[in-house]
PDB file of N, CA and C in Angstrom:
ATOM      1  N   MET A   1     108.362 -31.870  32.280  1.00  0.00           N
ATOM      2  CA  MET A   1     109.442 -32.023  31.320  1.00  0.00           C
ATOM      3  C   MET A   1     110.603 -31.108  31.731  1.00  0.00           C
ATOM      4  N   THR A   2     111.759 -31.689  31.827  1.00  0.00           N
ATOM      5  CA  THR A   2     112.953 -30.920  32.171  1.00  0.00           C
ATOM      6  C   THR A   2     113.775 -30.675  30.916  1.00  0.00           C
ATOM      7  N   VAL A   3     114.258 -29.454  30.794  1.00  0.00           N
ATOM      8  CA  VAL A   3     115.142 -29.079  29.693  1.00  0.00           C
ATOM      9  C   VAL A   3     116.570 -29.200  30.193  1.00  0.00           C
ATOM     10  N   TYR A   4     117.393 -29.906  29.442  1.00  0.00           N
ATOM     11  CA  TYR A   4     118.803 -30.073  29.790  1.00  0.00           C
ATOM     12  C   TYR A   4     119.651 -29.282  28.800  1.00  0.00           C
ATOM     13  N   PRO A   5     120.239 -28.174  29.251  1.00  0.00           N
ATOM     14  CA  PRO A   5     121.120 -27.428  28.346  1.00  0.00           C
ATOM     15  C   PRO A   5     122.433 -28.185  28.149  1.00  0.00           C
ATOM     16  N   VAL A   6     122.753 -28.453  26.914  1.00  0.00           N
ATOM     17  CA  VAL A   6     123.984 -29.174  26.561  1.00  0.00           C
ATOM     18  C   VAL A   6     124.936 -28.166  25.939  1.00  0.00           C
ATOM     19  N   ILE A   7     126.110 -28.029  26.524  1.00  0.00           N
ATOM     20  CA  ILE A   7     127.112 -27.098  25.998  1.00  0.00           C
ATOM     21  C   ILE A   7     128.286 -27.916  25.472  1.00  0.00           C
ATOM     22  N   MET A   8     128.522 -27.779  24.195  1.00  0.00           N
ATOM     23  CA  MET A   8     129.681 -28.447  23.587  1.00  0.00           C
ATOM     24  C   MET A   8     130.807 -27.421  23.526  1.00  0.00           C
ATOM     25  N   CYS A   9     131.932 -27.777  24.096  1.00  0.00           N
ATOM     26  CA  CYS A   9     133.036 -26.807  24.081  1.00  0.00           C
ATOM     27  C   CYS A   9     134.355 -27.496  23.768  1.00  0.00           C
ATOM     28  N   GLY A  10     134.452 -27.966  22.569  1.00  0.00           N
ATOM     29  CA  GLY A  10     135.698 -28.573  22.111  1.00  0.00           C
ATOM     30  C   GLY A  10     136.562 -27.539  21.429  1.00  0.00           C
ATOM     31  N   GLY A  11     137.680 -27.954  20.991  1.00  0.00           N
ATOM     32  CA  GLY A  11     138.573 -27.055  20.263  1.00  0.00           C
ATOM     33  C   GLY A  11     140.011 -27.371  20.557  1.00  0.00           C
ATOM     34  N   SER A  12     140.865 -27.023  19.623  1.00  0.00           N
ATOM     35  CA  SER A  12     142.278 -27.360  19.768  1.00  0.00           C
ATOM     36  C   SER A  12     143.135 -26.194  20.232  1.00  0.00           C
ATOM     37  N   GLY A  13     142.565 -25.003  20.293  1.00  0.00           N
ATOM     38  CA  GLY A  13     143.333 -23.870  20.786  1.00  0.00           C
ATOM     39  C   GLY A  13     144.367 -23.331  19.819  1.00  0.00           C
ATOM     40  N   THR A  14     144.140 -23.502  18.517  1.00  0.00           N
ATOM     41  CA  THR A  14     145.147 -23.056  17.546  1.00  0.00           C
ATOM     42  C   THR A  14     144.723 -21.823  16.755  1.00  0.00           C
ATOM     43  N   ARG A  15     143.476 -21.433  16.797  1.00  0.00           N
ATOM     44  CA  ARG A  15     143.009 -20.372  15.907  1.00  0.00           C
ATOM     45  C   ARG A  15     143.121 -18.959  16.469  1.00  0.00           C
ATOM     46  N   LEU A  16     143.446 -18.818  17.719  1.00  0.00           N
ATOM     47  CA  LEU A  16     143.599 -17.480  18.290  1.00  0.00           C
ATOM     48  C   LEU A  16     144.943 -17.371  19.009  1.00  0.00           C
ATOM     49  N   TRP A  17     145.941 -17.969  18.410  1.00  0.00           N
ATOM     50  CA  TRP A  17     147.278 -17.924  18.969  1.00  0.00           C
ATOM     51  C   TRP A  17     147.777 -16.495  18.956  1.00  0.00           C
ATOM     52  N   PRO A  18     148.443 -15.971  19.943  1.00  0.00           N
ATOM     53  CA  PRO A  18     148.991 -16.661  21.104  1.00  0.00           C
ATOM     54  C   PRO A  18     148.076 -16.657  22.329  1.00  0.00           C
ATOM     55  N   ALA A  19     146.907 -16.045  22.246  1.00  0.00           N
ATOM     56  CA  ALA A  19     146.022 -15.998  23.424  1.00  0.00           C
ATOM     57  C   ALA A  19     145.528 -17.381  23.820  1.00  0.00           C
ATOM     58  N   SER A  20     145.248 -18.209  22.829  1.00  0.00           N
ATOM     59  CA  SER A  20     144.773 -19.551  23.161  1.00  0.00           C
ATOM     60  C   SER A  20     145.845 -20.576  22.798  1.00  0.00           C
ATOM     61  N   ARG A  21     145.803 -21.660  23.528  1.00  0.00           N
ATOM     62  CA  ARG A  21     146.734 -22.757  23.346  1.00  0.00           C
ATOM     63  C   ARG A  21     145.955 -24.060  23.464  1.00  0.00           C
ATOM     64  N   PRO A  22     146.513 -25.196  23.095  1.00  0.00           N
ATOM     65  CA  PRO A  22     145.777 -26.455  23.232  1.00  0.00           C
ATOM     66  C   PRO A  22     145.254 -26.696  24.652  1.00  0.00           C
ATOM     67  N   ALA A  23     145.998 -26.285  25.659  1.00  0.00           N
ATOM     68  CA  ALA A  23     145.547 -26.487  27.038  1.00  0.00           C
ATOM     69  C   ALA A  23     144.476 -25.470  27.451  1.00  0.00           C
ATOM     70  N   ARG A  24     144.362 -24.377  26.699  1.00  0.00           N
ATOM     71  CA  ARG A  24     143.380 -23.335  27.019  1.00  0.00           C
ATOM     72  C   ARG A  24     142.848 -22.714  25.727  1.00  0.00           C
ATOM     73  N   PRO A  25     141.903 -23.412  25.071  1.00  0.00           N
ATOM     74  CA  PRO A  25     141.336 -22.894  23.826  1.00  0.00           C
ATOM     75  C   PRO A  25     140.573 -21.589  24.053  1.00  0.00           C
ATOM     76  N   LYS A  26     140.308 -20.900  22.977  1.00  0.00           N
ATOM     77  CA  LYS A  26     139.750 -19.555  23.063  1.00  0.00           C
ATOM     78  C   LYS A  26     138.436 -19.450  23.820  1.00  0.00           C
ATOM     79  N   GLN A  27     137.622 -20.511  23.873  1.00  0.00           N
ATOM     80  CA  GLN A  27     136.368 -20.397  24.608  1.00  0.00           C
ATOM     81  C   GLN A  27     136.578 -20.229  26.114  1.00  0.00           C
ATOM     82  N   PHE A  28     137.793 -20.504  26.598  1.00  0.00           N
ATOM     83  CA  PHE A  28     138.110 -20.330  28.013  1.00  0.00           C
ATOM     84  C   PHE A  28     138.890 -19.042  28.293  1.00  0.00           C
ATOM     85  N   VAL A  29     139.160 -18.247  27.262  1.00  0.00           N
ATOM     86  CA  VAL A  29     139.909 -17.001  27.394  1.00  0.00           C
ATOM     87  C   VAL A  29     138.925 -15.837  27.399  1.00  0.00           C
ATOM     88  N   PRO A  30     138.988 -14.956  28.404  1.00  0.00           N
ATOM     89  CA  PRO A  30     138.124 -13.769  28.378  1.00  0.00           C
ATOM     90  C   PRO A  30     138.565 -12.836  27.238  1.00  0.00           C
ATOM     91  N   LEU A  31     137.737 -12.722  26.217  1.00  0.00           N
ATOM     92  CA  LEU A  31     138.096 -11.895  25.065  1.00  0.00           C
ATOM     93  C   LEU A  31     137.528 -10.487  25.169  1.00  0.00           C
ATOM     94  N   SER A  32     136.367 -10.353  25.761  1.00  0.00           N
ATOM     95  CA  SER A  32     135.765  -9.027  25.936  1.00  0.00           C
ATOM     96  C   SER A  32     135.116  -9.006  27.318  1.00  0.00           C
ATOM     97  N   GLY A  33     135.738  -8.339  28.242  1.00  0.00           N
ATOM     98  CA  GLY A  33     135.233  -8.317  29.602  1.00  0.00           C
ATOM     99  C   GLY A  33     135.976  -9.301  30.478  1.00  0.00           C
ATOM    100  N   THR A  34     135.333  -9.688  31.571  1.00  0.00           N
ATOM    101  CA  THR A  34     136.007 -10.541  32.549  1.00  0.00           C
ATOM    102  C   THR A  34     135.628 -12.010  32.439  1.00  0.00           C
ATOM    103  N   LEU A  35     134.572 -12.308  31.684  1.00  0.00           N
ATOM    104  CA  LEU A  35     134.126 -13.693  31.540  1.00  0.00           C
ATOM    105  C   LEU A  35     134.529 -14.260  30.185  1.00  0.00           C
ATOM    106  N   SER A  36     134.781 -15.546  30.161  1.00  0.00           N
ATOM    107  CA  SER A  36     135.063 -16.223  28.893  1.00  0.00           C
ATOM    108  C   SER A  36     133.744 -16.476  28.163  1.00  0.00           C
ATOM    109  N   SER A  37     133.819 -16.800  26.886  1.00  0.00           N
ATOM    110  CA  SER A  37     132.589 -17.115  26.147  1.00  0.00           C
ATOM    111  C   SER A  37     131.949 -18.386  26.702  1.00  0.00           C
ATOM    112  N   PHE A  38     132.741 -19.309  27.231  1.00  0.00           N
ATOM    113  CA  PHE A  38     132.189 -20.492  27.885  1.00  0.00           C
ATOM    114  C   PHE A  38     131.345 -20.074  29.083  1.00  0.00           C
ATOM    115  N   GLN A  39     131.887 -19.210  29.940  1.00  0.00           N
ATOM    116  CA  GLN A  39     131.141 -18.762  31.112  1.00  0.00           C
ATOM    117  C   GLN A  39     129.874 -18.007  30.713  1.00  0.00           C
ATOM    118  N   GLU A  40     129.962 -17.159  29.702  1.00  0.00           N
ATOM    119  CA  GLU A  40     128.786 -16.419  29.239  1.00  0.00           C
ATOM    120  C   GLU A  40     127.712 -17.375  28.732  1.00  0.00           C
ATOM    121  N   THR A  41     128.118 -18.414  28.017  1.00  0.00           N
ATOM    122  CA  THR A  41     127.172 -19.410  27.515  1.00  0.00           C
ATOM    123  C   THR A  41     126.497 -20.145  28.665  1.00  0.00           C
ATOM    124  N   VAL A  42     127.279 -20.560  29.655  1.00  0.00           N
ATOM    125  CA  VAL A  42     126.720 -21.252  30.817  1.00  0.00           C
ATOM    126  C   VAL A  42     125.687 -20.371  31.510  1.00  0.00           C
ATOM    127  N   LEU A  43     126.019 -19.114  31.716  1.00  0.00           N
ATOM    128  CA  LEU A  43     125.078 -18.217  32.392  1.00  0.00           C
ATOM    129  C   LEU A  43     123.803 -18.006  31.568  1.00  0.00           C
ATOM    130  N   ARG A  44     123.926 -17.959  30.259  1.00  0.00           N
ATOM    131  CA  ARG A  44     122.724 -17.808  29.408  1.00  0.00           C
ATOM    132  C   ARG A  44     121.798 -19.005  29.542  1.00  0.00           C
ATOM    133  N   VAL A  45     122.342 -20.212  29.522  1.00  0.00           N
ATOM    134  CA  VAL A  45     121.475 -21.392  29.529  1.00  0.00           C
ATOM    135  C   VAL A  45     120.943 -21.737  30.915  1.00  0.00           C
ATOM    136  N   THR A  46     121.602 -21.286  31.976  1.00  0.00           N
ATOM    137  CA  THR A  46     121.089 -21.586  33.311  1.00  0.00           C
ATOM    138  C   THR A  46     119.825 -20.786  33.593  1.00  0.00           C
ATOM    139  N   GLY A  47     119.538 -19.791  32.779  1.00  0.00           N
ATOM    140  CA  GLY A  47     118.315 -19.011  32.950  1.00  0.00           C
ATOM    141  C   GLY A  47     117.100 -19.610  32.268  1.00  0.00           C
ATOM    142  N   LEU A  48     117.243 -20.734  31.590  1.00  0.00           N
ATOM    143  CA  LEU A  48     116.106 -21.368  30.931  1.00  0.00           C
ATOM    144  C   LEU A  48     115.130 -21.897  31.986  1.00  0.00           C
ATOM    145  N   GLY A  49     113.838 -21.692  31.753  1.00  0.00           N
ATOM    146  CA  GLY A  49     112.845 -22.208  32.691  1.00  0.00           C
ATOM    147  C   GLY A  49     112.867 -23.725  32.746  1.00  0.00           C
ATOM    148  N   ASP A  50     112.657 -24.293  33.935  1.00  0.00           N
ATOM    149  CA  ASP A  50     112.644 -25.745  34.137  1.00  0.00           C
ATOM    150  C   ASP A  50     113.924 -26.426  33.670  1.00  0.00           C
ATOM    151  N   ALA A  51     115.032 -25.711  33.719  1.00  0.00           N
ATOM    152  CA  ALA A  51     116.289 -26.288  33.232  1.00  0.00           C
ATOM    153  C   ALA A  51     116.954 -27.138  34.305  1.00  0.00           C
ATOM    154  N   GLY A  52     117.506 -28.246  33.846  1.00  0.00           N
ATOM    155  CA  GLY A  52     118.360 -29.051  34.700  1.00  0.00           C
ATOM    156  C   GLY A  52     119.740 -28.421  34.705  1.00  0.00           C
ATOM    157  N   PRO A  53     120.697 -29.055  35.356  1.00  0.00           N
ATOM    158  CA  PRO A  53     122.055 -28.499  35.350  1.00  0.00           C
ATOM    159  C   PRO A  53     122.638 -28.555  33.948  1.00  0.00           C
ATOM    160  N   PRO A  54     123.503 -27.593  33.614  1.00  0.00           N
ATOM    161  CA  PRO A  54     124.119 -27.657  32.288  1.00  0.00           C
ATOM    162  C   PRO A  54     124.962 -28.923  32.140  1.00  0.00           C
ATOM    163  N   LEU A  55     124.817 -29.551  31.008  1.00  0.00           N
ATOM    164  CA  LEU A  55     125.561 -30.759  30.665  1.00  0.00           C
ATOM    165  C   LEU A  55     126.650 -30.322  29.694  1.00  0.00           C
ATOM    166  N   ILE A  56     127.897 -30.418  30.119  1.00  0.00           N
ATOM    167  CA  ILE A  56     129.010 -29.895  29.342  1.00  0.00           C
ATOM    168  C   ILE A  56     129.787 -31.057  28.733  1.00  0.00           C
ATOM    169  N   VAL A  57     129.888 -31.038  27.409  1.00  0.00           N
ATOM    170  CA  VAL A  57     130.616 -32.081  26.693  1.00  0.00           C
ATOM    171  C   VAL A  57     131.917 -31.466  26.188  1.00  0.00           C
ATOM    172  N   ALA A  58     133.029 -32.050  26.623  1.00  0.00           N
ATOM    173  CA  ALA A  58     134.337 -31.491  26.276  1.00  0.00           C
ATOM    174  C   ALA A  58     135.390 -32.585  26.326  1.00  0.00           C
ATOM    175  N   GLY A  59     136.578 -32.227  25.920  1.00  0.00           N
ATOM    176  CA  GLY A  59     137.697 -33.154  26.003  1.00  0.00           C
ATOM    177  C   GLY A  59     138.208 -33.281  27.424  1.00  0.00           C
ATOM    178  N   VAL A  60     138.706 -34.456  27.746  1.00  0.00           N
ATOM    179  CA  VAL A  60     139.200 -34.722  29.091  1.00  0.00           C
ATOM    180  C   VAL A  60     140.311 -33.750  29.490  1.00  0.00           C
ATOM    181  N   SER A  61     141.059 -33.252  28.532  1.00  0.00           N
ATOM    182  CA  SER A  61     142.164 -32.333  28.846  1.00  0.00           C
ATOM    183  C   SER A  61     141.679 -30.963  29.326  1.00  0.00           C
ATOM    184  N   HIS A  62     140.394 -30.661  29.142  1.00  0.00           N
ATOM    185  CA  HIS A  62     139.864 -29.353  29.554  1.00  0.00           C
ATOM    186  C   HIS A  62     139.097 -29.398  30.874  1.00  0.00           C
ATOM    187  N   ARG A  63     139.123 -30.540  31.528  1.00  0.00           N
ATOM    188  CA  ARG A  63     138.366 -30.722  32.770  1.00  0.00           C
ATOM    189  C   ARG A  63     138.682 -29.644  33.808  1.00  0.00           C
ATOM    190  N   ALA A  64     139.946 -29.417  34.087  1.00  0.00           N
ATOM    191  CA  ALA A  64     140.338 -28.449  35.117  1.00  0.00           C
ATOM    192  C   ALA A  64     139.871 -27.039  34.766  1.00  0.00           C
ATOM    193  N   SER A  65     140.013 -26.638  33.516  1.00  0.00           N
ATOM    194  CA  SER A  65     139.570 -25.306  33.093  1.00  0.00           C
ATOM    195  C   SER A  65     138.065 -25.152  33.267  1.00  0.00           C
ATOM    196  N   ILE A  66     137.326 -26.171  32.882  1.00  0.00           N
ATOM    197  CA  ILE A  66     135.864 -26.119  32.993  1.00  0.00           C
ATOM    198  C   ILE A  66     135.447 -26.006  34.452  1.00  0.00           C
ATOM    199  N   LEU A  67     136.003 -26.855  35.297  1.00  0.00           N
ATOM    200  CA  LEU A  67     135.638 -26.819  36.716  1.00  0.00           C
ATOM    201  C   LEU A  67     135.996 -25.482  37.354  1.00  0.00           C
ATOM    202  N   ALA A  68     137.163 -24.946  37.035  1.00  0.00           N
ATOM    203  CA  ALA A  68     137.578 -23.653  37.585  1.00  0.00           C
ATOM    204  C   ALA A  68     136.652 -22.532  37.127  1.00  0.00           C
ATOM    205  N   GLN A  69     136.296 -22.554  35.836  1.00  0.00           N
ATOM    206  CA  GLN A  69     135.450 -21.481  35.321  1.00  0.00           C
ATOM    207  C   GLN A  69     134.011 -21.597  35.830  1.00  0.00           C
ATOM    208  N   LEU A  70     133.520 -22.813  36.014  1.00  0.00           N
ATOM    209  CA  LEU A  70     132.192 -22.976  36.613  1.00  0.00           C
ATOM    210  C   LEU A  70     132.201 -22.462  38.051  1.00  0.00           C
ATOM    211  N   LYS A  71     133.245 -22.765  38.786  1.00  0.00           N
ATOM    212  CA  LYS A  71     133.351 -22.306  40.179  1.00  0.00           C
ATOM    213  C   LYS A  71     133.356 -20.784  40.251  1.00  0.00           C
ATOM    214  N   GLU A  72     134.061 -20.132  39.328  1.00  0.00           N
ATOM    215  CA  GLU A  72     134.129 -18.668  39.306  1.00  0.00           C
ATOM    216  C   GLU A  72     132.755 -18.026  39.181  1.00  0.00           C
ATOM    217  N   ILE A  73     131.849 -18.678  38.449  1.00  0.00           N
ATOM    218  CA  ILE A  73     130.516 -18.093  38.245  1.00  0.00           C
ATOM    219  C   ILE A  73     129.452 -18.743  39.132  1.00  0.00           C
ATOM    220  N   GLY A  74     129.871 -19.660  40.000  1.00  0.00           N
ATOM    221  CA  GLY A  74     128.952 -20.260  40.956  1.00  0.00           C
ATOM    222  C   GLY A  74     127.921 -21.200  40.359  1.00  0.00           C
ATOM    223  N   VAL A  75     128.305 -21.935  39.328  1.00  0.00           N
ATOM    224  CA  VAL A  75     127.381 -22.861  38.667  1.00  0.00           C
ATOM    225  C   VAL A  75     127.941 -24.281  38.795  1.00  0.00           C
ATOM    226  N   VAL A  76     127.059 -25.213  39.104  1.00  0.00           N
ATOM    227  CA  VAL A  76     127.433 -26.624  39.131  1.00  0.00           C
ATOM    228  C   VAL A  76     126.900 -27.258  37.854  1.00  0.00           C
ATOM    229  N   GLY A  77     127.752 -27.932  37.143  1.00  0.00           N
ATOM    230  CA  GLY A  77     127.346 -28.590  35.906  1.00  0.00           C
ATOM    231  C   GLY A  77     127.709 -30.059  35.934  1.00  0.00           C
ATOM    232  N   VAL A  78     127.241 -30.763  34.929  1.00  0.00           N
ATOM    233  CA  VAL A  78     127.567 -32.176  34.743  1.00  0.00           C
ATOM    234  C   VAL A  78     128.538 -32.246  33.572  1.00  0.00           C
ATOM    235  N   LEU A  79     129.662 -32.940  33.763  1.00  0.00           N
ATOM    236  CA  LEU A  79     130.657 -33.040  32.699  1.00  0.00           C
ATOM    237  C   LEU A  79     130.634 -34.414  32.053  1.00  0.00           C
ATOM    238  N   LEU A  80     130.586 -34.419  30.737  1.00  0.00           N
ATOM    239  CA  LEU A  80     130.811 -35.624  29.943  1.00  0.00           C
ATOM    240  C   LEU A  80     132.116 -35.375  29.215  1.00  0.00           C
ATOM    241  N   LEU A  81     133.132 -36.125  29.565  1.00  0.00           N
ATOM    242  CA  LEU A  81     134.457 -35.872  29.013  1.00  0.00           C
ATOM    243  C   LEU A  81     134.837 -36.930  27.989  1.00  0.00           C
ATOM    244  N   GLU A  82     135.229 -36.462  26.814  1.00  0.00           N
ATOM    245  CA  GLU A  82     135.639 -37.338  25.721  1.00  0.00           C
ATOM    246  C   GLU A  82     137.142 -37.598  25.830  1.00  0.00           C
ATOM    247  N   PRO A  83     137.563 -38.860  25.743  1.00  0.00           N
ATOM    248  CA  PRO A  83     138.995 -39.139  25.791  1.00  0.00           C
ATOM    249  C   PRO A  83     139.733 -38.600  24.569  1.00  0.00           C
ATOM    250  N   GLU A  84     139.033 -38.488  23.441  1.00  0.00           N
ATOM    251  CA  GLU A  84     139.602 -37.865  22.248  1.00  0.00           C
ATOM    252  C   GLU A  84     138.465 -37.273  21.429  1.00  0.00           C
ATOM    253  N   ALA A  85     138.793 -36.249  20.659  1.00  0.00           N
ATOM    254  CA  ALA A  85     137.784 -35.524  19.888  1.00  0.00           C
ATOM    255  C   ALA A  85     137.121 -36.424  18.847  1.00  0.00           C
ATOM    256  N   ARG A  86     135.801 -36.324  18.770  1.00  0.00           N
ATOM    257  CA  ARG A  86     135.042 -37.094  17.782  1.00  0.00           C
ATOM    258  C   ARG A  86     134.014 -36.226  17.062  1.00  0.00           C
ATOM    259  N   ASP A  87     134.134 -34.927  17.141  1.00  0.00           N
ATOM    260  CA  ASP A  87     133.251 -33.977  16.477  1.00  0.00           C
ATOM    261  C   ASP A  87     131.873 -33.896  17.131  1.00  0.00           C
ATOM    262  N   SER A  88     131.040 -33.044  16.572  1.00  0.00           N
ATOM    263  CA  SER A  88     129.767 -32.670  17.196  1.00  0.00           C
ATOM    264  C   SER A  88     128.747 -33.795  17.287  1.00  0.00           C
ATOM    265  N   ALA A  89     128.629 -34.606  16.269  1.00  0.00           N
ATOM    266  CA  ALA A  89     127.608 -35.659  16.274  1.00  0.00           C
ATOM    267  C   ALA A  89     127.807 -36.622  17.443  1.00  0.00           C
ATOM    268  N   ALA A  90     129.031 -37.028  17.677  1.00  0.00           N
ATOM    269  CA  ALA A  90     129.309 -37.945  18.790  1.00  0.00           C
ATOM    270  C   ALA A  90     129.041 -37.277  20.128  1.00  0.00           C
ATOM    271  N   ALA A  91     129.383 -36.000  20.246  1.00  0.00           N
ATOM    272  CA  ALA A  91     129.132 -35.265  21.489  1.00  0.00           C
ATOM    273  C   ALA A  91     127.633 -35.164  21.763  1.00  0.00           C
ATOM    274  N   MET A  92     126.864 -34.853  20.734  1.00  0.00           N
ATOM    275  CA  MET A  92     125.407 -34.761  20.910  1.00  0.00           C
ATOM    276  C   MET A  92     124.796 -36.122  21.226  1.00  0.00           C
ATOM    277  N   ALA A  93     125.292 -37.175  20.610  1.00  0.00           N
ATOM    278  CA  ALA A  93     124.788 -38.523  20.890  1.00  0.00           C
ATOM    279  C   ALA A  93     125.081 -38.925  22.334  1.00  0.00           C
ATOM    280  N   ALA A  94     126.274 -38.610  22.825  1.00  0.00           N
ATOM    281  CA  ALA A  94     126.617 -38.924  24.214  1.00  0.00           C
ATOM    282  C   ALA A  94     125.717 -38.155  25.172  1.00  0.00           C
ATOM    283  N   ALA A  95     125.472 -36.893  24.880  1.00  0.00           N
ATOM    284  CA  ALA A  95     124.593 -36.079  25.731  1.00  0.00           C
ATOM    285  C   ALA A  95     123.172 -36.627  25.710  1.00  0.00           C
ATOM    286  N   ALA A  96     122.674 -36.996  24.535  1.00  0.00           N
ATOM    287  CA  ALA A  96     121.311 -37.537  24.425  1.00  0.00           C
ATOM    288  C   ALA A  96     121.179 -38.846  25.210  1.00  0.00           C
ATOM    289  N   ALA A  97     122.186 -39.693  25.133  1.00  0.00           N
ATOM    290  CA  ALA A  97     122.156 -40.963  25.878  1.00  0.00           C
ATOM    291  C   ALA A  97     122.160 -40.695  27.386  1.00  0.00           C
ATOM    292  N   TRP A  98     122.960 -39.734  27.838  1.00  0.00           N
ATOM    293  CA  TRP A  98     123.011 -39.392  29.262  1.00  0.00           C
ATOM    294  C   TRP A  98     121.653 -38.878  29.732  1.00  0.00           C
ATOM    295  N   ILE A  99     121.070 -37.972  28.946  1.00  0.00           N
ATOM    296  CA  ILE A  99     119.765 -37.400  29.315  1.00  0.00           C
ATOM    297  C   ILE A  99     118.707 -38.485  29.369  1.00  0.00           C
ATOM    298  N   LYS A 100     118.682 -39.371  28.395  1.00  0.00           N
ATOM    299  CA  LYS A 100     117.677 -40.440  28.374  1.00  0.00           C
ATOM    300  C   LYS A 100     117.796 -41.334  29.605  1.00  0.00           C
ATOM    301  N   ARG A 101     119.023 -41.632  30.034  1.00  0.00           N
ATOM    302  CA  ARG A 101     119.217 -42.447  31.244  1.00  0.00           C
ATOM    303  C   ARG A 101     118.726 -41.725  32.496  1.00  0.00           C
ATOM    304  N   GLN A 102     118.882 -40.401  32.531  1.00  0.00           N
ATOM    305  CA  GLN A 102     118.482 -39.621  33.700  1.00  0.00           C
ATOM    306  C   GLN A 102     116.983 -39.334  33.723  1.00  0.00           C
ATOM    307  N   ASP A 103     116.426 -39.055  32.537  1.00  0.00           N
ATOM    308  CA  ASP A 103     115.054 -38.560  32.446  1.00  0.00           C
ATOM    309  C   ASP A 103     114.527 -38.884  31.046  1.00  0.00           C
ATOM    310  N   ALA A 104     113.727 -39.924  30.952  1.00  0.00           N
ATOM    311  CA  ALA A 104     113.234 -40.372  29.638  1.00  0.00           C
ATOM    312  C   ALA A 104     112.427 -39.295  28.920  1.00  0.00           C
ATOM    313  N   ASP A 105     111.866 -38.345  29.661  1.00  0.00           N
ATOM    314  CA  ASP A 105     111.091 -37.261  29.054  1.00  0.00           C
ATOM    315  C   ASP A 105     111.895 -35.977  28.892  1.00  0.00           C
ATOM    316  N   GLY A 106     113.168 -36.015  29.247  1.00  0.00           N
ATOM    317  CA  GLY A 106     113.999 -34.811  29.172  1.00  0.00           C
ATOM    318  C   GLY A 106     114.216 -34.349  27.743  1.00  0.00           C
ATOM    319  N   VAL A 107     114.415 -33.054  27.613  1.00  0.00           N
ATOM    320  CA  VAL A 107     114.640 -32.441  26.304  1.00  0.00           C
ATOM    321  C   VAL A 107     116.006 -31.762  26.323  1.00  0.00           C
ATOM    322  N   ALA A 108     116.790 -31.994  25.294  1.00  0.00           N
ATOM    323  CA  ALA A 108     118.115 -31.373  25.183  1.00  0.00           C
ATOM    324  C   ALA A 108     118.019 -30.075  24.391  1.00  0.00           C
ATOM    325  N   VAL A 109     118.707 -29.066  24.877  1.00  0.00           N
ATOM    326  CA  VAL A 109     118.913 -27.830  24.132  1.00  0.00           C
ATOM    327  C   VAL A 109     120.415 -27.730  23.957  1.00  0.00           C
ATOM    328  N   VAL A 110     120.887 -27.851  22.727  1.00  0.00           N
ATOM    329  CA  VAL A 110     122.325 -27.906  22.466  1.00  0.00           C
ATOM    330  C   VAL A 110     122.847 -26.517  22.119  1.00  0.00           C
ATOM    331  N   ALA A 111     123.892 -26.111  22.833  1.00  0.00           N
ATOM    332  CA  ALA A 111     124.547 -24.829  22.577  1.00  0.00           C
ATOM    333  C   ALA A 111     126.029 -25.109  22.368  1.00  0.00           C
ATOM    334  N   ILE A 112     126.616 -24.335  21.504  1.00  0.00           N
ATOM    335  CA  ILE A 112     128.048 -24.443  21.285  1.00  0.00           C
ATOM    336  C   ILE A 112     128.656 -23.157  21.792  1.00  0.00           C
ATOM    337  N   SER A 113     129.646 -23.265  22.647  1.00  0.00           N
ATOM    338  CA  SER A 113     130.322 -22.081  23.157  1.00  0.00           C
ATOM    339  C   SER A 113     130.729 -21.241  21.940  1.00  0.00           C
ATOM    340  N   PRO A 114     130.371 -19.954  21.872  1.00  0.00           N
ATOM    341  CA  PRO A 114     130.501 -19.154  20.662  1.00  0.00           C
ATOM    342  C   PRO A 114     131.821 -19.245  19.923  1.00  0.00           C
ATOM    343  N   THR A 115     132.916 -19.383  20.612  1.00  0.00           N
ATOM    344  CA  THR A 115     134.190 -19.423  19.899  1.00  0.00           C
ATOM    345  C   THR A 115     134.735 -20.834  19.768  1.00  0.00           C
ATOM    346  N   ALA A 116     134.015 -21.814  20.245  1.00  0.00           N
ATOM    347  CA  ALA A 116     134.492 -23.198  20.135  1.00  0.00           C
ATOM    348  C   ALA A 116     134.432 -23.654  18.682  1.00  0.00           C
ATOM    349  N   ASN A 117     135.385 -24.451  18.296  1.00  0.00           N
ATOM    350  CA  ASN A 117     135.428 -25.070  16.968  1.00  0.00           C
ATOM    351  C   ASN A 117     135.418 -24.077  15.819  1.00  0.00           C
ATOM    352  N   ARG A 118     135.800 -22.872  16.032  1.00  0.00           N
ATOM    353  CA  ARG A 118     135.810 -21.885  14.955  1.00  0.00           C
ATOM    354  C   ARG A 118     137.169 -21.242  14.842  1.00  0.00           C
TER     355      ARG A 118
END
């Protein structure tokens, strides 16, 4: 059985202005230290035993930020990009459908980047 860590990292970038903006929501901003909360979350879930690559569900507008931040920490992930925000239930359903297609016995562990959607 493979565990697939699912990281949901949506957000509009309006709650921590001026540090965050719509193009760079707070989960991509290093708030304490050199890593963003997104990067810290990715590193936490990659340590799970028998884990597959992190499955990151986010808006299409955050693709470049996600890829850059994954590269900085040396992690390869799978991106599921939403053309527009549909909240957590739709993100989890998309991740579950992806996992089922890849591995019918796979198990999802859903994590939300600590500052996302808050």
